[in-house]
PDB file of all heavy atoms in Angstrom:
ATOM      1  N   GLY A   1      11.515 -10.937   4.371  1.00  0.00           N
ATOM      2  CA  GLY A   1      10.109 -11.100   4.721  1.00  0.00           C
ATOM      3  C   GLY A   1       9.243 -10.957   3.483  1.00  0.00           C
ATOM      4  O   GLY A   1       9.734 -10.851   2.365  1.00  0.00           O
ATOM      5  N   GLN A   2       7.942 -10.954   3.694  1.00  0.00           N
ATOM      6  CA  GLN A   2       6.988 -10.773   2.594  1.00  0.00           C
ATOM      7  C   GLN A   2       6.055  -9.598   2.857  1.00  0.00           C
ATOM      8  O   GLN A   2       5.025  -9.470   2.211  1.00  0.00           O
ATOM      9  CB  GLN A   2       6.158 -12.056   2.413  1.00  0.00           C
ATOM     10  CG  GLN A   2       6.974 -13.260   2.016  1.00  0.00           C
ATOM     11  CD  GLN A   2       7.624 -13.077   0.658  1.00  0.00           C
ATOM     12  OE1 GLN A   2       7.023 -12.561  -0.274  1.00  0.00           O
ATOM     13  NE2 GLN A   2       8.877 -13.479   0.551  1.00  0.00           N
ATOM     14  N   GLY A   3       6.398  -8.746   3.796  1.00  0.00           N
ATOM     15  CA  GLY A   3       5.519  -7.658   4.207  1.00  0.00           C
ATOM     16  C   GLY A   3       5.282  -6.593   3.170  1.00  0.00           C
ATOM     17  O   GLY A   3       4.260  -5.905   3.197  1.00  0.00           O
ATOM     18  N   PHE A   4       6.195  -6.443   2.229  1.00  0.00           N
ATOM     19  CA  PHE A   4       6.006  -5.410   1.220  1.00  0.00           C
ATOM     20  C   PHE A   4       5.159  -5.902   0.055  1.00  0.00           C
ATOM     21  O   PHE A   4       4.289  -5.187  -0.421  1.00  0.00           O
ATOM     22  CB  PHE A   4       7.357  -4.883   0.720  1.00  0.00           C
ATOM     23  CG  PHE A   4       8.039  -4.006   1.720  1.00  0.00           C
ATOM     24  CD1 PHE A   4       9.033  -4.512   2.535  1.00  0.00           C
ATOM     25  CD2 PHE A   4       7.681  -2.689   1.865  1.00  0.00           C
ATOM     26  CE1 PHE A   4       9.650  -3.719   3.475  1.00  0.00           C
ATOM     27  CE2 PHE A   4       8.293  -1.874   2.806  1.00  0.00           C
ATOM     28  CZ  PHE A   4       9.285  -2.399   3.616  1.00  0.00           C
ATOM     29  N   SER A   5       5.398  -7.108  -0.401  1.00  0.00           N
ATOM     30  CA  SER A   5       4.634  -7.589  -1.559  1.00  0.00           C
ATOM     31  C   SER A   5       3.302  -8.199  -1.160  1.00  0.00           C
ATOM     32  O   SER A   5       2.385  -8.253  -1.977  1.00  0.00           O
ATOM     33  CB  SER A   5       5.461  -8.611  -2.348  1.00  0.00           C
ATOM     34  OG  SER A   5       5.809  -9.702  -1.528  1.00  0.00           O
ATOM     35  N   GLU A   6       3.153  -8.633   0.092  1.00  0.00           N
ATOM     36  CA  GLU A   6       1.905  -9.269   0.506  1.00  0.00           C
ATOM     37  C   GLU A   6       1.222  -8.572   1.675  1.00  0.00           C
ATOM     38  O   GLU A   6       0.126  -8.951   2.054  1.00  0.00           O
ATOM     39  CB  GLU A   6       2.172 -10.730   0.899  1.00  0.00           C
ATOM     40  CG  GLU A   6       2.655 -11.573  -0.251  1.00  0.00           C
ATOM     41  CD  GLU A   6       2.972 -12.987   0.184  1.00  0.00           C
ATOM     42  OE1 GLU A   6       2.693 -13.349   1.341  1.00  0.00           O
ATOM     43  OE2 GLU A   6       3.522 -13.733  -0.649  1.00  0.00           O
ATOM     44  N   GLY A   7       1.836  -7.590   2.272  1.00  0.00           N
ATOM     45  CA  GLY A   7       1.276  -6.951   3.460  1.00  0.00           C
ATOM     46  C   GLY A   7       1.057  -5.463   3.268  1.00  0.00           C
ATOM     47  O   GLY A   7       0.702  -4.995   2.184  1.00  0.00           O
ATOM     48  N   ALA A   8       1.316  -4.732   4.344  1.00  0.00           N
ATOM     49  CA  ALA A   8       1.070  -3.285   4.357  1.00  0.00           C
ATOM     50  C   ALA A   8       1.964  -2.537   3.369  1.00  0.00           C
ATOM     51  O   ALA A   8       1.619  -1.436   2.933  1.00  0.00           O
ATOM     52  CB  ALA A   8       1.301  -2.740   5.760  1.00  0.00           C
ATOM     53  N   GLY A   9       3.059  -3.136   2.973  1.00  0.00           N
ATOM     54  CA  GLY A   9       3.977  -2.478   2.049  1.00  0.00           C
ATOM     55  C   GLY A   9       3.429  -2.291   0.655  1.00  0.00           C
ATOM     56  O   GLY A   9       3.964  -1.492  -0.129  1.00  0.00           O
ATOM     57  N   ARG A  10       2.345  -2.984   0.333  1.00  0.00           N
ATOM     58  CA  ARG A  10       1.740  -2.803  -1.000  1.00  0.00           C
ATOM     59  C   ARG A  10       1.287  -1.366  -1.213  1.00  0.00           C
ATOM     60  O   ARG A  10       1.149  -0.919  -2.348  1.00  0.00           O
ATOM     61  CB  ARG A  10       0.566  -3.759  -1.177  1.00  0.00           C
ATOM     62  CG  ARG A  10       1.004  -5.208  -1.324  1.00  0.00           C
ATOM     63  CD  ARG A  10      -0.165  -6.104  -1.504  1.00  0.00           C
ATOM     64  NE  ARG A  10      -0.916  -6.090  -0.232  1.00  0.00           N
ATOM     65  CZ  ARG A  10      -2.035  -6.739  -0.020  1.00  0.00           C
ATOM     66  NH1 ARG A  10      -2.581  -7.426  -0.994  1.00  0.00           N
ATOM     67  NH2 ARG A  10      -2.628  -6.693   1.146  1.00  0.00           N
ATOM     68  N   LEU A  11       1.054  -0.642  -0.124  1.00  0.00           N
ATOM     69  CA  LEU A  11       0.656   0.764  -0.249  1.00  0.00           C
ATOM     70  C   LEU A  11       1.701   1.590  -0.998  1.00  0.00           C
ATOM     71  O   LEU A  11       1.357   2.567  -1.663  1.00  0.00           O
ATOM     72  CB  LEU A  11       0.435   1.379   1.134  1.00  0.00           C
ATOM     73  CG  LEU A  11      -0.854   1.036   1.846  1.00  0.00           C
ATOM     74  CD1 LEU A  11      -0.832   1.601   3.260  1.00  0.00           C
ATOM     75  CD2 LEU A  11      -2.035   1.575   1.080  1.00  0.00           C
ATOM     76  N   LEU A  12       2.958   1.218  -0.875  1.00  0.00           N
ATOM     77  CA  LEU A  12       4.013   1.987  -1.548  1.00  0.00           C
ATOM     78  C   LEU A  12       3.838   1.972  -3.062  1.00  0.00           C
ATOM     79  O   LEU A  12       4.194   2.941  -3.737  1.00  0.00           O
ATOM     80  CB  LEU A  12       5.393   1.424  -1.183  1.00  0.00           C
ATOM     81  CG  LEU A  12       5.827   1.597   0.265  1.00  0.00           C
ATOM     82  CD1 LEU A  12       7.159   0.909   0.497  1.00  0.00           C
ATOM     83  CD2 LEU A  12       5.893   3.053   0.650  1.00  0.00           C
ATOM     84  N   ALA A  13       3.300   0.878  -3.592  1.00  0.00           N
ATOM     85  CA  ALA A  13       3.134   0.779  -5.044  1.00  0.00           C
ATOM     86  C   ALA A  13       1.731   1.165  -5.496  1.00  0.00           C
ATOM     87  O   ALA A  13       1.559   1.729  -6.570  1.00  0.00           O
ATOM     88  CB  ALA A  13       3.442  -0.641  -5.506  1.00  0.00           C
ATOM     89  N   SER A  14       0.704   0.902  -4.687  1.00  0.00           N
ATOM     90  CA  SER A  14      -0.662   1.096  -5.154  1.00  0.00           C
ATOM     91  C   SER A  14      -1.309   2.391  -4.690  1.00  0.00           C
ATOM     92  O   SER A  14      -2.179   2.929  -5.380  1.00  0.00           O
ATOM     93  CB  SER A  14      -1.529  -0.086  -4.698  1.00  0.00           C
ATOM     94  OG  SER A  14      -1.602  -0.112  -3.276  1.00  0.00           O
ATOM     95  N   ALA A  15      -0.936   2.923  -3.556  1.00  0.00           N
ATOM     96  CA  ALA A  15      -1.628   4.086  -2.993  1.00  0.00           C
ATOM     97  C   ALA A  15      -1.562   5.338  -3.864  1.00  0.00           C
ATOM     98  O   ALA A  15      -2.544   6.083  -3.912  1.00  0.00           O
ATOM     99  CB  ALA A  15      -1.107   4.385  -1.600  1.00  0.00           C
ATOM    100  N   PRO A  16      -0.474   5.624  -4.563  1.00  0.00           N
ATOM    101  CA  PRO A  16      -0.481   6.839  -5.384  1.00  0.00           C
ATOM    102  C   PRO A  16      -1.543   6.810  -6.491  1.00  0.00           C
ATOM    103  O   PRO A  16      -1.930   7.863  -7.000  1.00  0.00           O
ATOM    104  CB  PRO A  16       0.925   6.877  -5.986  1.00  0.00           C
ATOM    105  CG  PRO A  16       1.755   6.089  -5.054  1.00  0.00           C
ATOM    106  CD  PRO A  16       0.857   5.032  -4.512  1.00  0.00           C
ATOM    107  N   TYR A  17      -2.045   5.639  -6.834  1.00  0.00           N
ATOM    108  CA  TYR A  17      -3.022   5.523  -7.914  1.00  0.00           C
ATOM    109  C   TYR A  17      -4.444   5.355  -7.403  1.00  0.00           C
ATOM    110  O   TYR A  17      -5.367   5.234  -8.186  1.00  0.00           O
ATOM    111  CB  TYR A  17      -2.645   4.342  -8.820  1.00  0.00           C
ATOM    112  CG  TYR A  17      -1.225   4.452  -9.315  1.00  0.00           C
ATOM    113  CD1 TYR A  17      -0.234   3.630  -8.810  1.00  0.00           C
ATOM    114  CD2 TYR A  17      -0.865   5.414 -10.252  1.00  0.00           C
ATOM    115  CE1 TYR A  17       1.074   3.746  -9.235  1.00  0.00           C
ATOM    116  CE2 TYR A  17       0.442   5.539 -10.669  1.00  0.00           C
ATOM    117  CZ  TYR A  17       1.411   4.699 -10.168  1.00  0.00           C
ATOM    118  OH  TYR A  17       2.702   4.824 -10.584  1.00  0.00           O
ATOM    119  N   GLN A  18      -4.634   5.327  -6.089  1.00  0.00           N
ATOM    120  CA  GLN A  18      -5.970   5.197  -5.524  1.00  0.00           C
ATOM    121  C   GLN A  18      -6.615   6.568  -5.365  1.00  0.00           C
ATOM    122  O   GLN A  18      -5.941   7.565  -5.157  1.00  0.00           O
ATOM    123  CB  GLN A  18      -5.906   4.492  -4.161  1.00  0.00           C
ATOM    124  CG  GLN A  18      -5.445   3.064  -4.239  1.00  0.00           C
ATOM    125  CD  GLN A  18      -5.333   2.430  -2.856  1.00  0.00           C
ATOM    126  OE1 GLN A  18      -5.490   3.103  -1.852  1.00  0.00           O
ATOM    127  NE2 GLN A  18      -5.043   1.140  -2.829  1.00  0.00           N
ATOM    128  N   ARG A  19      -7.942   6.585  -5.442  1.00  0.00           N
ATOM    129  CA  ARG A  19      -8.655   7.853  -5.313  1.00  0.00           C
ATOM    130  C   ARG A  19      -8.747   8.305  -3.864  1.00  0.00           C
ATOM    131  O   ARG A  19      -8.731   9.500  -3.595  1.00  0.00           O
ATOM    132  CB  ARG A  19     -10.054   7.723  -5.892  1.00  0.00           C
ATOM    133  CG  ARG A  19     -10.035   7.531  -7.380  1.00  0.00           C
ATOM    134  CD  ARG A  19     -11.438   7.385  -7.907  1.00  0.00           C
ATOM    135  NE  ARG A  19     -11.375   7.055  -9.308  1.00  0.00           N
ATOM    136  CZ  ARG A  19     -11.912   7.798 -10.244  1.00  0.00           C
ATOM    137  NH1 ARG A  19     -12.564   8.877  -9.924  1.00  0.00           N
ATOM    138  NH2 ARG A  19     -11.809   7.440 -11.496  1.00  0.00           N
ATOM    139  N   THR A  20      -8.865   7.367  -2.949  1.00  0.00           N
ATOM    140  CA  THR A  20      -8.961   7.722  -1.536  1.00  0.00           C
ATOM    141  C   THR A  20      -7.614   7.503  -0.860  1.00  0.00           C
ATOM    142  O   THR A  20      -6.949   6.506  -1.102  1.00  0.00           O
ATOM    143  CB  THR A  20     -10.032   6.854  -0.818  1.00  0.00           C
ATOM    144  OG1 THR A  20      -9.658   5.488  -0.933  1.00  0.00           O
ATOM    145  CG2 THR A  20     -11.404   7.078  -1.428  1.00  0.00           C
ATOM    146  N   PRO A  21      -7.231   8.436  -0.015  1.00  0.00           N
ATOM    147  CA  PRO A  21      -5.950   8.268   0.677  1.00  0.00           C
ATOM    148  C   PRO A  21      -6.053   7.149   1.710  1.00  0.00           C
ATOM    149  O   PRO A  21      -7.139   6.845   2.206  1.00  0.00           O
ATOM    150  CB  PRO A  21      -5.709   9.623   1.345  1.00  0.00           C
ATOM    151  CG  PRO A  21      -7.048  10.242   1.467  1.00  0.00           C
ATOM    152  CD  PRO A  21      -7.879   9.708   0.333  1.00  0.00           C
ATOM    153  N   PRO A  22      -4.932   6.542   2.062  1.00  0.00           N
ATOM    154  CA  PRO A  22      -4.949   5.471   3.073  1.00  0.00           C
ATOM    155  C   PRO A  22      -5.338   6.033   4.438  1.00  0.00           C
ATOM    156  O   PRO A  22      -5.093   7.205   4.734  1.00  0.00           O
ATOM    157  CB  PRO A  22      -3.523   4.936   3.072  1.00  0.00           C
ATOM    158  CG  PRO A  22      -2.706   6.010   2.471  1.00  0.00           C
ATOM    159  CD  PRO A  22      -3.586   6.788   1.553  1.00  0.00           C
ATOM    160  N   ASP A  23      -5.974   5.183   5.243  1.00  0.00           N
ATOM    161  CA  ASP A  23      -6.363   5.647   6.574  1.00  0.00           C
ATOM    162  C   ASP A  23      -5.189   5.545   7.544  1.00  0.00           C
ATOM    163  O   ASP A  23      -4.112   5.047   7.216  1.00  0.00           O
ATOM    164  CB  ASP A  23      -7.585   4.883   7.080  1.00  0.00           C
ATOM    165  CG  ASP A  23      -7.318   3.396   7.280  1.00  0.00           C
ATOM    166  OD1 ASP A  23      -6.178   2.960   7.059  1.00  0.00           O
ATOM    167  OD2 ASP A  23      -8.261   2.689   7.657  1.00  0.00           O
ATOM    168  N   LYS A  24      -5.433   6.013   8.769  1.00  0.00           N
ATOM    169  CA  LYS A  24      -4.386   6.085   9.781  1.00  0.00           C
ATOM    170  C   LYS A  24      -3.834   4.703  10.145  1.00  0.00           C
ATOM    171  O   LYS A  24      -2.629   4.541  10.316  1.00  0.00           O
ATOM    172  CB  LYS A  24      -4.970   6.760  11.019  1.00  0.00           C
ATOM    173  CG  LYS A  24      -3.984   7.391  11.928  1.00  0.00           C
ATOM    174  CD  LYS A  24      -4.715   7.999  13.100  1.00  0.00           C
ATOM    175  CE  LYS A  24      -4.198   9.378  13.379  1.00  0.00           C
ATOM    176  NZ  LYS A  24      -4.821   9.967  14.550  1.00  0.00           N
TER     177      LYS A  24
END
């Protein structure tokens, strides 16, 4: 699939570097 590179899975790579945590 493409869910990690184009969908919700991008959080695995980008979220640790964001200032605000992801929402529910």
